[in-house]
Structure formats: structure tokens, C-alpha cells
N, C-alpha and C. Protein backbone atom coordinates (compact mmCIF):
# COMPACT_ATOMS: atom_id res chain seq x y z
N MET A 1 79.40 90.74 95.99
CA MET A 1 79.04 90.40 94.66
C MET A 1 79.76 91.23 93.64
N SER A 2 80.11 90.51 92.59
CA SER A 2 80.93 91.17 91.62
C SER A 2 80.16 91.70 90.36
N PHE A 3 80.81 92.54 89.45
CA PHE A 3 80.15 93.05 88.33
C PHE A 3 79.54 91.86 87.43
N PHE A 4 80.36 90.82 87.38
CA PHE A 4 79.85 89.69 86.52
C PHE A 4 78.75 88.91 87.07
N GLU A 5 78.75 88.78 88.47
CA GLU A 5 77.77 88.01 89.08
C GLU A 5 76.38 88.73 88.83
N GLU A 6 76.41 90.01 88.97
CA GLU A 6 75.21 90.83 88.74
C GLU A 6 74.65 90.59 87.35
N LYS A 7 75.55 90.45 86.39
CA LYS A 7 75.20 90.30 84.94
C LYS A 7 74.58 88.87 84.65
N ASN A 8 75.13 87.91 85.33
CA ASN A 8 74.78 86.52 84.99
C ASN A 8 74.82 85.61 86.20
N PRO A 9 73.94 85.75 87.11
CA PRO A 9 74.06 84.91 88.32
C PRO A 9 73.89 83.51 88.18
N GLU A 10 73.03 83.16 87.01
CA GLU A 10 72.90 81.73 86.72
C GLU A 10 74.09 81.11 86.35
N MET A 11 74.98 81.78 85.58
CA MET A 11 76.23 81.26 85.15
C MET A 11 77.18 81.14 86.35
N ASP A 12 77.06 82.12 87.29
CA ASP A 12 77.99 81.92 88.45
C ASP A 12 77.53 80.71 89.42
N ARG A 13 76.26 80.46 89.46
CA ARG A 13 75.75 79.27 90.15
C ARG A 13 76.31 77.95 89.45
N TYR A 14 76.32 78.02 88.11
CA TYR A 14 76.72 76.90 87.43
C TYR A 14 78.25 76.65 87.61
N LEU A 15 78.98 77.64 87.66
CA LEU A 15 80.43 77.47 87.85
C LEU A 15 80.81 76.98 89.14
N GLU A 16 79.94 77.47 90.23
CA GLU A 16 80.19 76.99 91.53
C GLU A 16 79.85 75.44 91.72
N SER A 17 78.86 74.98 91.07
CA SER A 17 78.35 73.69 91.21
C SER A 17 79.16 72.78 90.46
N HIS A 18 80.14 73.27 89.53
CA HIS A 18 81.03 72.40 88.81
C HIS A 18 82.49 72.64 89.08
N ALA A 19 82.70 72.91 90.49
CA ALA A 19 84.03 73.07 90.92
C ALA A 19 84.22 72.20 92.12
N SER A 20 85.40 72.01 92.59
CA SER A 20 85.70 71.21 93.80
C SER A 20 84.85 71.79 95.01
N SER A 21 84.58 70.82 95.84
CA SER A 21 83.78 71.18 96.93
C SER A 21 84.49 72.09 98.00
N GLU A 22 83.68 72.93 98.69
CA GLU A 22 84.36 73.87 99.65
C GLU A 22 84.65 73.19 100.92
N PRO A 23 85.79 73.23 101.40
CA PRO A 23 86.06 72.60 102.79
C PRO A 23 85.09 73.07 103.73
N GLU A 24 84.89 72.31 104.88
CA GLU A 24 83.96 72.68 105.93
C GLU A 24 84.32 73.85 106.70
N ILE A 25 85.52 74.12 107.01
CA ILE A 25 86.12 75.16 107.69
C ILE A 25 85.73 76.51 106.90
N LEU A 26 85.98 76.45 105.67
CA LEU A 26 85.60 77.67 104.90
C LEU A 26 84.16 77.87 104.85
N ARG A 27 83.42 76.89 104.70
CA ARG A 27 82.03 77.03 104.54
C ARG A 27 81.39 77.65 105.93
N LYS A 28 82.05 77.23 107.02
CA LYS A 28 81.63 77.89 108.36
C LYS A 28 82.03 79.32 108.35
N LEU A 29 83.27 79.56 107.92
CA LEU A 29 83.80 80.93 107.90
C LEU A 29 82.99 81.97 107.02
N ARG A 30 82.62 81.44 105.85
CA ARG A 30 81.83 82.12 105.03
C ARG A 30 80.47 82.53 105.64
N ARG A 31 79.88 81.51 106.29
CA ARG A 31 78.57 81.74 106.87
C ARG A 31 78.77 82.79 108.05
N GLU A 32 79.66 82.59 108.86
CA GLU A 32 79.84 83.55 110.00
C GLU A 32 80.13 84.98 109.39
N THR A 33 80.98 85.03 108.30
CA THR A 33 81.23 86.41 107.76
C THR A 33 79.91 87.08 107.34
N PHE A 34 79.02 86.38 106.75
CA PHE A 34 77.75 86.97 106.36
C PHE A 34 76.87 87.24 107.51
N GLN A 35 77.03 86.49 108.60
CA GLN A 35 76.20 86.68 109.88
C GLN A 35 76.67 88.01 110.58
N LYS A 36 78.02 88.25 110.73
CA LYS A 36 78.61 89.17 111.63
C LYS A 36 79.31 90.29 111.18
N THR A 37 79.42 90.47 109.84
CA THR A 37 80.04 91.65 109.29
C THR A 37 79.03 92.42 108.62
N THR A 38 79.37 93.71 108.42
CA THR A 38 78.50 94.70 107.75
C THR A 38 78.82 94.70 106.18
N GLN A 39 80.03 94.14 105.68
CA GLN A 39 80.34 94.09 104.29
C GLN A 39 80.81 92.71 103.93
N PRO A 40 79.86 91.80 104.15
CA PRO A 40 80.31 90.42 103.79
C PRO A 40 80.76 90.15 102.40
N HIS A 41 80.45 91.06 101.44
CA HIS A 41 80.83 90.83 100.01
C HIS A 41 82.31 91.07 99.85
N MET A 42 82.97 91.49 100.92
CA MET A 42 84.39 91.75 100.84
C MET A 42 85.25 90.28 100.93
N ILE A 43 84.55 89.25 101.28
CA ILE A 43 85.21 87.98 101.44
C ILE A 43 85.48 87.48 99.93
N SER A 44 86.67 86.79 99.97
CA SER A 44 87.07 86.28 98.72
C SER A 44 86.14 85.50 97.88
N GLY A 45 85.43 84.51 98.74
CA GLY A 45 84.36 83.78 98.17
C GLY A 45 84.86 82.50 97.49
N TYR A 46 83.94 81.64 97.28
CA TYR A 46 84.08 80.26 96.81
C TYR A 46 85.03 80.11 95.60
N GLN A 47 84.63 80.74 94.57
CA GLN A 47 85.40 80.58 93.21
C GLN A 47 86.81 81.07 93.33
N GLN A 48 86.89 82.24 93.78
CA GLN A 48 88.21 82.81 93.94
C GLN A 48 89.08 81.91 95.04
N GLY A 49 88.47 81.53 96.04
CA GLY A 49 89.12 80.75 97.01
C GLY A 49 89.79 79.45 96.32
N ARG A 50 88.99 78.73 95.40
CA ARG A 50 89.49 77.65 94.82
C ARG A 50 90.59 78.00 93.99
N LEU A 51 90.63 79.24 93.26
CA LEU A 51 91.67 79.56 92.36
C LEU A 51 92.90 79.76 93.35
N LEU A 52 92.82 80.36 94.41
CA LEU A 52 93.99 80.62 95.31
C LEU A 52 94.60 79.39 95.79
N THR A 53 93.75 78.38 96.16
CA THR A 53 94.11 77.16 96.62
C THR A 53 94.90 76.33 95.50
N ILE A 54 94.51 76.32 94.42
CA ILE A 54 95.08 75.66 93.26
C ILE A 54 96.43 76.25 92.89
N ILE A 55 96.40 77.55 92.97
CA ILE A 55 97.68 78.16 92.61
C ILE A 55 98.75 77.95 93.72
N SER A 56 98.35 77.97 94.93
CA SER A 56 99.25 77.68 96.09
C SER A 56 99.70 76.23 96.03
N GLN A 57 98.75 75.34 95.74
CA GLN A 57 99.16 73.85 95.77
C GLN A 57 100.11 73.58 94.58
N MET A 58 99.95 74.27 93.47
CA MET A 58 100.86 74.17 92.30
C MET A 58 102.20 74.72 92.67
N MET A 59 102.34 75.85 93.24
CA MET A 59 103.59 76.57 93.53
C MET A 59 104.33 75.88 94.80
N ARG A 60 103.53 75.43 95.76
CA ARG A 60 104.10 75.09 97.06
C ARG A 60 105.22 76.11 97.47
N PRO A 61 104.53 77.41 97.74
CA PRO A 61 105.38 78.56 98.11
C PRO A 61 105.88 78.41 99.53
N GLU A 62 107.13 78.72 99.80
CA GLU A 62 107.64 78.73 101.08
C GLU A 62 107.27 80.05 101.85
N ASN A 63 107.10 81.07 101.14
CA ASN A 63 106.84 82.47 101.85
C ASN A 63 105.75 83.21 101.02
N VAL A 64 104.66 83.35 101.74
CA VAL A 64 103.50 84.00 101.22
C VAL A 64 103.13 85.22 101.93
N LEU A 65 102.61 86.29 101.18
CA LEU A 65 102.25 87.55 101.90
C LEU A 65 100.84 87.76 101.33
N GLU A 66 99.98 88.14 102.32
CA GLU A 66 98.55 88.57 101.97
C GLU A 66 98.40 89.92 102.66
N ILE A 67 97.93 90.95 101.82
CA ILE A 67 97.58 92.21 102.29
C ILE A 67 96.10 92.28 102.22
N GLY A 68 95.38 92.35 103.47
CA GLY A 68 93.97 92.49 103.57
C GLY A 68 93.41 91.13 103.87
N THR A 69 93.41 90.89 105.24
CA THR A 69 92.93 89.70 105.76
C THR A 69 91.55 89.51 105.81
N PHE A 70 90.72 90.59 106.17
CA PHE A 70 89.27 90.55 106.43
C PHE A 70 88.95 89.48 107.41
N THR A 71 88.22 88.42 107.03
CA THR A 71 87.89 87.34 108.02
C THR A 71 88.74 86.08 107.80
N GLY A 72 89.72 86.10 106.88
CA GLY A 72 90.75 85.12 106.72
C GLY A 72 90.27 83.94 105.67
N TYR A 73 89.37 84.17 104.99
CA TYR A 73 88.85 83.20 104.08
C TYR A 73 90.07 82.79 102.99
N ALA A 74 90.63 83.84 102.39
CA ALA A 74 91.56 83.78 101.31
C ALA A 74 92.95 83.29 101.96
N THR A 75 93.16 83.65 103.28
CA THR A 75 94.35 83.26 103.95
C THR A 75 94.37 81.67 104.16
N LEU A 76 93.28 81.03 104.42
CA LEU A 76 93.22 79.63 104.53
C LEU A 76 93.31 79.01 103.20
N CYS A 77 92.73 79.58 102.19
CA CYS A 77 92.87 79.00 100.88
C CYS A 77 94.38 79.00 100.50
N LEU A 78 95.08 80.09 100.73
CA LEU A 78 96.61 80.10 100.25
C LEU A 78 97.31 79.24 101.16
N ALA A 79 96.88 79.07 102.42
CA ALA A 79 97.75 78.28 103.34
C ALA A 79 97.67 76.76 102.92
N ALA A 80 96.66 76.33 102.13
CA ALA A 80 96.41 75.02 101.78
C ALA A 80 97.56 74.42 101.00
N GLY A 81 98.41 75.15 100.34
CA GLY A 81 99.50 74.77 99.50
C GLY A 81 100.83 75.01 100.09
N LEU A 82 100.94 75.47 101.40
CA LEU A 82 102.20 75.60 101.92
C LEU A 82 102.89 74.29 102.25
N PRO A 83 104.22 74.18 101.98
CA PRO A 83 104.95 72.99 102.39
C PRO A 83 105.19 73.07 103.90
N GLU A 84 105.87 72.08 104.35
CA GLU A 84 106.00 71.80 105.82
C GLU A 84 106.68 73.03 106.57
N LYS A 85 107.58 73.65 105.81
CA LYS A 85 108.32 74.80 106.39
C LYS A 85 107.79 76.06 105.85
N GLY A 86 106.64 76.12 105.05
CA GLY A 86 106.19 77.32 104.49
C GLY A 86 105.43 78.08 105.55
N ARG A 87 105.16 79.46 105.21
CA ARG A 87 104.44 80.21 106.20
C ARG A 87 103.75 81.28 105.37
N ILE A 88 102.70 81.81 105.87
CA ILE A 88 102.03 82.93 105.27
C ILE A 88 101.88 84.08 106.21
N THR A 89 102.19 85.26 105.88
CA THR A 89 102.04 86.50 106.81
C THR A 89 100.89 87.17 106.08
N THR A 90 99.82 87.53 106.98
CA THR A 90 98.66 88.11 106.52
C THR A 90 98.44 89.44 107.34
N LEU A 91 98.27 90.51 106.71
CA LEU A 91 98.19 91.83 107.30
C LEU A 91 96.82 92.51 107.12
N ASP A 92 96.42 93.12 108.25
CA ASP A 92 95.14 93.87 108.32
C ASP A 92 95.27 94.96 109.33
N VAL A 93 94.35 95.90 109.23
CA VAL A 93 94.40 97.09 110.27
C VAL A 93 93.05 97.06 111.04
N ASN A 94 92.15 96.19 110.75
CA ASN A 94 90.75 96.14 111.41
C ASN A 94 90.84 95.40 112.60
N GLU A 95 90.99 96.05 113.71
CA GLU A 95 91.10 95.33 115.11
C GLU A 95 89.65 94.86 115.54
N ASP A 96 88.67 95.44 115.06
CA ASP A 96 87.33 94.95 115.49
C ASP A 96 86.85 93.60 114.92
N LEU A 97 87.43 93.28 113.78
CA LEU A 97 87.10 92.00 113.13
C LEU A 97 88.10 90.89 113.26
N ALA A 98 89.27 91.28 114.04
CA ALA A 98 90.38 90.37 114.11
C ALA A 98 90.01 89.14 114.88
N TYR A 99 89.03 89.14 115.75
CA TYR A 99 88.64 87.88 116.45
C TYR A 99 88.07 86.77 115.52
N ILE A 100 87.58 87.15 114.33
CA ILE A 100 86.97 86.10 113.41
C ILE A 100 88.24 85.31 112.74
N PRO A 101 89.17 86.07 112.14
CA PRO A 101 90.24 85.26 111.49
C PRO A 101 91.05 84.50 112.47
N LYS A 102 91.38 85.10 113.59
CA LYS A 102 92.01 84.44 114.68
C LYS A 102 91.44 83.07 115.13
N LYS A 103 90.10 83.11 115.21
CA LYS A 103 89.32 81.93 115.62
C LYS A 103 89.50 80.84 114.56
N TYR A 104 89.29 81.19 113.35
CA TYR A 104 89.43 80.09 112.37
C TYR A 104 90.90 79.74 112.02
N PHE A 105 91.92 80.56 112.14
CA PHE A 105 93.25 80.24 112.04
C PHE A 105 93.71 79.26 112.94
N SER A 106 93.20 79.46 114.34
CA SER A 106 93.55 78.50 115.36
C SER A 106 92.84 77.13 115.27
N GLU A 107 91.75 77.15 114.48
CA GLU A 107 91.10 75.86 114.24
C GLU A 107 91.67 75.07 112.99
N SER A 108 92.39 75.90 112.16
CA SER A 108 92.83 75.27 110.96
C SER A 108 94.05 74.40 111.10
N GLU A 109 94.20 73.29 110.31
CA GLU A 109 95.43 72.49 110.33
C GLU A 109 96.65 73.21 109.99
N HIS A 110 96.53 74.43 109.49
CA HIS A 110 97.60 75.15 109.04
C HIS A 110 98.00 76.37 110.22
N SER A 111 97.43 76.29 111.22
CA SER A 111 97.57 77.25 112.27
C SER A 111 99.01 77.75 112.61
N ASP A 112 99.92 76.80 112.56
CA ASP A 112 101.37 76.98 112.98
C ASP A 112 102.10 77.67 111.77
N ARG A 113 101.50 77.86 110.65
CA ARG A 113 102.05 78.42 109.44
C ARG A 113 101.47 79.77 109.10
N ILE A 114 100.59 80.25 109.86
CA ILE A 114 99.87 81.59 109.72
C ILE A 114 100.25 82.61 110.62
N ASP A 115 100.90 83.74 110.05
CA ASP A 115 101.33 84.80 111.09
C ASP A 115 100.39 86.02 110.54
N PHE A 116 99.43 86.27 111.55
CA PHE A 116 98.41 87.34 111.44
C PHE A 116 98.95 88.60 112.13
N LYS A 117 99.15 89.72 111.43
CA LYS A 117 99.61 90.84 111.99
C LYS A 117 98.69 91.92 111.75
N LEU A 118 98.19 92.72 112.78
CA LEU A 118 97.63 93.92 112.70
C LEU A 118 98.63 95.13 112.56
N GLN A 119 98.77 95.30 111.26
CA GLN A 119 99.77 96.24 110.88
C GLN A 119 99.68 96.89 109.51
N ASP A 120 99.94 98.18 109.35
CA ASP A 120 99.81 98.77 108.16
C ASP A 120 100.80 98.20 107.02
N ALA A 121 100.21 97.79 105.86
CA ALA A 121 100.92 97.01 104.87
C ALA A 121 102.13 97.94 104.31
N LYS A 122 101.88 99.13 104.05
CA LYS A 122 103.10 100.01 103.61
C LYS A 122 104.19 99.99 104.52
N GLU A 123 103.89 100.15 105.79
CA GLU A 123 104.86 100.15 106.84
C GLU A 123 105.67 98.77 106.86
N PHE A 124 104.91 97.81 106.82
CA PHE A 124 105.48 96.40 106.83
C PHE A 124 106.45 96.29 105.65
N LEU A 125 106.07 96.57 104.50
CA LEU A 125 106.90 96.49 103.30
C LEU A 125 108.09 97.20 103.36
N LYS A 126 108.07 98.40 103.93
CA LYS A 126 109.19 99.36 104.00
C LYS A 126 110.29 98.84 104.96
N GLU A 127 109.80 98.01 105.96
CA GLU A 127 110.63 97.49 106.94
C GLU A 127 111.16 96.11 106.73
N THR A 128 110.46 95.27 106.08
CA THR A 128 110.89 93.87 105.86
C THR A 128 111.91 93.65 104.82
N ASN A 129 112.80 92.65 105.01
CA ASN A 129 113.82 92.25 104.04
C ASN A 129 113.41 90.91 103.41
N GLU A 130 112.32 90.51 103.74
CA GLU A 130 111.87 89.18 103.08
C GLU A 130 111.54 89.20 101.58
N VAL A 131 111.77 88.08 101.03
CA VAL A 131 111.39 87.95 99.64
C VAL A 131 110.22 86.85 99.53
N PHE A 132 109.13 87.20 98.82
CA PHE A 132 108.00 86.42 98.77
C PHE A 132 107.83 85.65 97.45
N ASP A 133 107.29 84.44 97.56
CA ASP A 133 107.03 83.51 96.40
C ASP A 133 105.69 83.82 95.86
N LEU A 134 104.69 84.23 96.76
CA LEU A 134 103.41 84.28 96.39
C LEU A 134 102.76 85.56 97.14
N VAL A 135 102.04 86.49 96.43
CA VAL A 135 101.55 87.60 97.20
C VAL A 135 100.20 87.86 96.77
N PHE A 136 99.20 88.04 97.65
CA PHE A 136 97.76 88.33 97.27
C PHE A 136 97.32 89.59 97.97
N ILE A 137 96.82 90.55 97.08
CA ILE A 137 96.48 91.86 97.69
C ILE A 137 95.00 92.09 97.52
N ASP A 138 94.30 92.29 98.53
CA ASP A 138 92.89 92.56 98.44
C ASP A 138 92.55 93.52 99.53
N ALA A 139 92.98 94.72 99.50
CA ALA A 139 92.89 95.68 100.60
C ALA A 139 92.41 97.07 100.09
N ASP A 140 92.80 98.15 100.63
CA ASP A 140 92.43 99.45 100.18
C ASP A 140 92.98 99.77 98.81
N LYS A 141 91.95 99.93 97.97
CA LYS A 141 92.30 100.05 96.44
C LYS A 141 93.02 101.39 96.15
N GLU A 142 92.98 102.47 97.11
CA GLU A 142 93.71 103.68 96.79
C GLU A 142 95.16 103.57 96.96
N ASN A 143 95.61 102.44 97.51
CA ASN A 143 97.04 102.14 97.72
C ASN A 143 97.65 101.07 96.77
N TYR A 144 96.80 100.63 95.88
CA TYR A 144 97.24 99.45 95.00
C TYR A 144 98.50 99.80 94.26
N ALA A 145 98.62 101.00 93.64
CA ALA A 145 99.74 101.30 92.84
C ALA A 145 101.03 101.44 93.74
N GLU A 146 100.82 101.83 94.92
CA GLU A 146 102.01 101.97 95.97
C GLU A 146 102.36 100.61 96.40
N TYR A 147 101.47 99.73 96.57
CA TYR A 147 101.85 98.41 97.02
C TYR A 147 102.52 97.75 95.94
N PHE A 148 102.29 97.82 94.69
CA PHE A 148 103.03 97.28 93.63
C PHE A 148 104.41 97.81 93.69
N ARG A 149 104.56 98.98 93.82
CA ARG A 149 105.97 99.59 93.84
C ARG A 149 106.81 99.02 95.02
N LEU A 150 106.12 98.94 96.17
CA LEU A 150 106.79 98.47 97.25
C LEU A 150 107.07 96.99 97.35
N ILE A 151 106.15 96.12 96.71
CA ILE A 151 106.24 94.74 96.66
C ILE A 151 107.27 94.20 95.69
N LYS A 152 107.40 94.93 94.51
CA LYS A 152 108.28 94.55 93.45
C LYS A 152 109.62 94.10 93.97
N PRO A 153 110.35 94.92 94.74
CA PRO A 153 111.73 94.60 95.24
C PRO A 153 111.79 93.45 96.20
N LYS A 154 110.53 92.92 96.60
CA LYS A 154 110.53 91.84 97.58
C LYS A 154 110.10 90.54 96.77
N THR A 155 110.26 90.61 95.49
CA THR A 155 110.03 89.33 94.72
C THR A 155 111.16 88.94 93.94
N LYS A 156 111.13 87.63 93.40
CA LYS A 156 112.20 87.06 92.56
C LYS A 156 111.62 86.55 91.37
N SER A 157 112.46 86.01 90.42
CA SER A 157 112.03 85.38 89.34
C SER A 157 111.17 84.16 89.64
N GLY A 158 110.02 84.14 89.16
CA GLY A 158 109.05 83.09 89.41
C GLY A 158 107.97 83.42 90.37
N SER A 159 108.17 84.59 91.18
CA SER A 159 107.15 85.05 92.11
C SER A 159 105.86 85.43 91.46
N VAL A 160 104.80 85.06 92.15
CA VAL A 160 103.46 85.40 91.58
C VAL A 160 102.75 86.48 92.50
N ILE A 161 102.22 87.50 91.93
CA ILE A 161 101.47 88.51 92.58
C ILE A 161 100.02 88.48 92.13
N LEU A 162 99.07 88.58 92.97
CA LEU A 162 97.66 88.59 92.61
C LEU A 162 96.96 89.76 93.17
N PHE A 163 96.48 90.77 92.42
CA PHE A 163 95.63 91.83 92.78
C PHE A 163 94.19 91.66 92.54
N ASP A 164 93.41 91.75 93.60
CA ASP A 164 91.89 91.46 93.48
C ASP A 164 91.22 92.90 93.16
N ASN A 165 90.07 92.74 92.58
CA ASN A 165 89.10 93.77 92.27
C ASN A 165 89.69 94.81 91.20
N VAL A 166 90.42 94.32 90.24
CA VAL A 166 91.07 95.20 89.22
C VAL A 166 90.09 95.64 88.14
N LEU A 167 88.93 95.16 88.13
CA LEU A 167 87.92 95.54 87.14
C LEU A 167 87.02 96.63 87.73
N TRP A 168 86.90 96.50 89.10
CA TRP A 168 86.27 97.45 89.85
C TRP A 168 84.84 97.81 89.50
N TYR A 169 83.97 96.68 89.29
CA TYR A 169 82.63 96.67 88.93
C TYR A 169 82.43 97.30 87.55
N GLY A 170 83.50 97.20 86.76
CA GLY A 170 83.36 97.73 85.36
C GLY A 170 83.87 99.25 85.27
N LYS A 171 84.21 99.87 86.41
CA LYS A 171 84.54 101.30 86.42
C LYS A 171 85.86 101.63 85.72
N VAL A 172 86.73 100.47 85.56
CA VAL A 172 88.02 100.78 84.82
C VAL A 172 87.70 101.16 83.49
N LEU A 173 86.54 101.08 82.79
CA LEU A 173 86.20 101.38 81.47
C LEU A 173 85.89 102.99 81.39
N GLU A 174 85.87 103.57 82.53
CA GLU A 174 85.55 105.01 82.54
C GLU A 174 86.83 105.82 82.05
N GLU A 175 86.72 106.70 81.14
CA GLU A 175 87.89 107.33 80.56
C GLU A 175 88.37 108.39 81.64
N ASN A 176 87.68 109.10 82.31
CA ASN A 176 88.07 110.17 83.21
C ASN A 176 87.36 110.01 84.55
N PRO A 177 87.70 108.84 85.19
CA PRO A 177 86.94 108.52 86.52
C PRO A 177 87.26 109.73 87.65
N LYS A 178 86.25 109.98 88.34
CA LYS A 178 86.30 110.91 89.40
C LYS A 178 86.68 110.28 90.74
N GLN A 179 86.38 109.01 90.76
CA GLN A 179 86.67 108.18 92.11
C GLN A 179 88.10 107.88 92.27
N LYS A 180 88.65 108.29 93.36
CA LYS A 180 90.20 108.06 93.55
C LYS A 180 90.48 106.48 93.38
N SER A 181 89.74 105.68 93.94
CA SER A 181 89.99 104.18 93.90
C SER A 181 89.99 103.76 92.39
N THR A 182 89.21 104.29 91.62
CA THR A 182 89.03 103.78 90.23
C THR A 182 90.37 104.28 89.52
N GLN A 183 90.75 105.56 89.80
CA GLN A 183 91.95 106.08 89.18
C GLN A 183 93.26 105.31 89.46
N VAL A 184 93.22 104.78 90.84
CA VAL A 184 94.48 104.19 91.26
C VAL A 184 94.43 102.81 90.65
N ILE A 185 93.29 102.10 90.58
CA ILE A 185 93.29 100.68 89.92
C ILE A 185 93.61 100.83 88.61
N LYS A 186 93.14 101.81 87.81
CA LYS A 186 93.59 101.98 86.38
C LYS A 186 95.08 102.18 86.32
N GLU A 187 95.61 103.03 87.30
CA GLU A 187 97.02 103.26 87.25
C GLU A 187 97.82 102.00 87.49
N LEU A 188 97.44 101.17 88.38
CA LEU A 188 98.06 99.85 88.69
C LEU A 188 98.00 99.04 87.43
N ASN A 189 96.87 98.87 86.88
CA ASN A 189 96.79 98.07 85.59
C ASN A 189 97.59 98.49 84.44
N ASP A 190 97.77 99.86 84.41
CA ASP A 190 98.70 100.32 83.42
C ASP A 190 100.13 100.01 83.70
N LEU A 191 100.48 100.32 84.99
CA LEU A 191 101.91 100.04 85.44
C LEU A 191 102.37 98.57 85.26
N VAL A 192 101.41 97.63 85.53
CA VAL A 192 101.68 96.22 85.38
C VAL A 192 101.97 95.95 83.93
N ALA A 193 100.90 96.31 83.17
CA ALA A 193 100.98 96.10 81.77
C ALA A 193 102.31 96.59 80.95
N LYS A 194 102.94 97.59 81.53
CA LYS A 194 104.03 98.27 80.97
C LYS A 194 105.38 97.71 81.68
N ASP A 195 105.26 97.09 82.69
CA ASP A 195 106.47 96.57 83.35
C ASP A 195 107.04 95.42 82.77
N GLU A 196 108.25 95.44 82.10
CA GLU A 196 108.79 94.38 81.37
C GLU A 196 109.50 93.26 82.28
N ASP A 197 109.46 93.45 83.52
CA ASP A 197 109.94 92.50 84.51
C ASP A 197 108.76 91.42 84.86
N PHE A 198 107.57 91.80 84.41
CA PHE A 198 106.47 90.79 84.69
C PHE A 198 105.69 90.45 83.39
N GLU A 199 105.19 89.19 83.45
CA GLU A 199 104.07 88.81 82.46
C GLU A 199 102.83 88.76 83.31
N ASN A 200 101.61 89.18 82.69
CA ASN A 200 100.49 89.18 83.47
C ASN A 200 99.23 88.88 82.56
N LEU A 201 98.24 88.66 83.29
CA LEU A 201 96.83 88.47 82.69
C LEU A 201 95.75 88.93 83.56
N ILE A 202 94.78 89.55 83.20
CA ILE A 202 93.74 89.94 84.02
C ILE A 202 92.60 88.87 83.92
N LEU A 203 92.41 88.14 84.87
CA LEU A 203 91.36 87.08 84.85
C LEU A 203 90.02 87.77 85.14
N PRO A 204 88.85 87.52 84.33
CA PRO A 204 87.53 88.08 84.65
C PRO A 204 86.85 87.29 85.61
N LEU A 205 87.46 86.90 86.78
CA LEU A 205 86.96 86.18 87.86
C LEU A 205 86.32 87.09 88.92
N ARG A 206 85.06 86.99 89.25
CA ARG A 206 84.42 87.92 90.06
C ARG A 206 84.59 89.37 89.71
N ASP A 207 85.41 90.04 90.39
CA ASP A 207 85.63 91.48 90.08
C ASP A 207 87.00 91.79 89.45
N GLY A 208 87.53 90.66 88.94
CA GLY A 208 88.75 90.78 88.10
C GLY A 208 90.00 90.62 89.02
N VAL A 209 90.89 89.66 88.58
CA VAL A 209 92.13 89.47 89.30
C VAL A 209 93.36 89.60 88.36
N ASN A 210 94.26 90.54 88.74
CA ASN A 210 95.41 90.71 87.80
C ASN A 210 96.48 89.68 88.26
N PHE A 211 96.84 88.76 87.44
CA PHE A 211 97.72 87.62 87.77
C PHE A 211 99.07 88.00 87.18
N LEU A 212 100.09 88.26 88.04
CA LEU A 212 101.44 88.66 87.60
C LEU A 212 102.37 87.54 87.86
N ARG A 213 103.30 87.28 87.00
CA ARG A 213 104.54 86.41 87.34
C ARG A 213 105.71 87.05 86.96
N ARG A 214 106.66 87.20 87.87
CA ARG A 214 107.93 87.93 87.70
C ARG A 214 108.84 86.94 86.66
N LYS A 215 109.33 87.53 85.59
CA LYS A 215 110.18 86.77 84.81
C LYS A 215 111.53 86.33 85.40
């Protein structure tokens, strides 16, 4: 649950009831996530999932990177816009939960375009020579600024990067935060705003999404 949902749950319900319907596979995945994980709020969720699907369908990206798979909800939303030869690489380090995304990826019509890796994202980014059209980051907040630095060279003009949870339950308004994650998210938002190679906007959707497009 986000900072905004806590403030106005009625509005959140209204928004969900006036958006495109949730595909059955995502509905099942969301239900299982709440049944079998200890932190189900980490799932991207319905509204954000619709945003990711629409962006992917508009872009038709050939090469997508996701950092932070969790149970695979966002992965499937991003995969919905892949062209025939497109693919998405999704990274996570939680071996205990890996059985859930693997299960739903195999059931998905996009199964042959999803490459799920149990690998540290910083390690992957330092090793890969790939260039990505679309990147979604929803992982360990204390590495957000470093992810941005490592991902930038892996993008091109027109590439889109999305960072989730950039409002951090309103904590980004703290002037001198003591929490490391809050400090790094504020650092990321400052880095992005000052980087002349990108244009960006923070969307106040759920816990905030920093939407970047490389010029």
C-alpha cells in the first residue's frame, strides 16, 4: 500500500474501477502473492501494472530490463508490449520466491520472451554490453543511485527508465533523513533532475514513479 492509498483509499478504488480490466493470469498471480509471501505489498499492483503495459505496448521495445522481479507481476505487464523478437530480462536474488514467477512465466503467452535470472543487478550491469529500450527498477532502494549510474551507458536516445517508490511514503520531504534508503532515493531524484541527457517526470502513482526518457 502506498502513501497515497493510505490517504485516500476511496479514490484509489475509483481509479481501479475505471481502468482496463486485469488479465486473469495477473489476477491469479496477485492472489497467490498475497497468500504466500510475507510482504505482498511489494507487488507492483493493478494500477501500476496497467501503466507498465500501456508504456510497453506504445513503445514495442525489443530489449527490456527489469531489476527486482519479486513474484513477476510487473514482468508480465511489461512483456505484454514485446514485439515478436523482443525479450525481457528480469533480475532478482530471492531464491526462496523464485518458484512463483517461474510458474507464471511458464503459463504466460510470453514465456519464450522472458529471461529470468537469479543474479545481482550491479554484477549484471557491469558485465553486459546490451543496450535497453525500456528499464523498470523496483528493487533494493539503497542501490538506486548506483543503478542509475550503471544503467545510463546501457541506454540510447528514446530509451525509457522507470524507478518505482521514489516518493518513499512521503519520506523524500524530510530535510535530513536518517534512513539510508531515503537518503539514496533523494539522491537519485536529484541526479535525474540535474542530468541533461534525460527528461523526466515523477508520477504520483502509488508510491511515486520517476519516469525518464533519454533525449
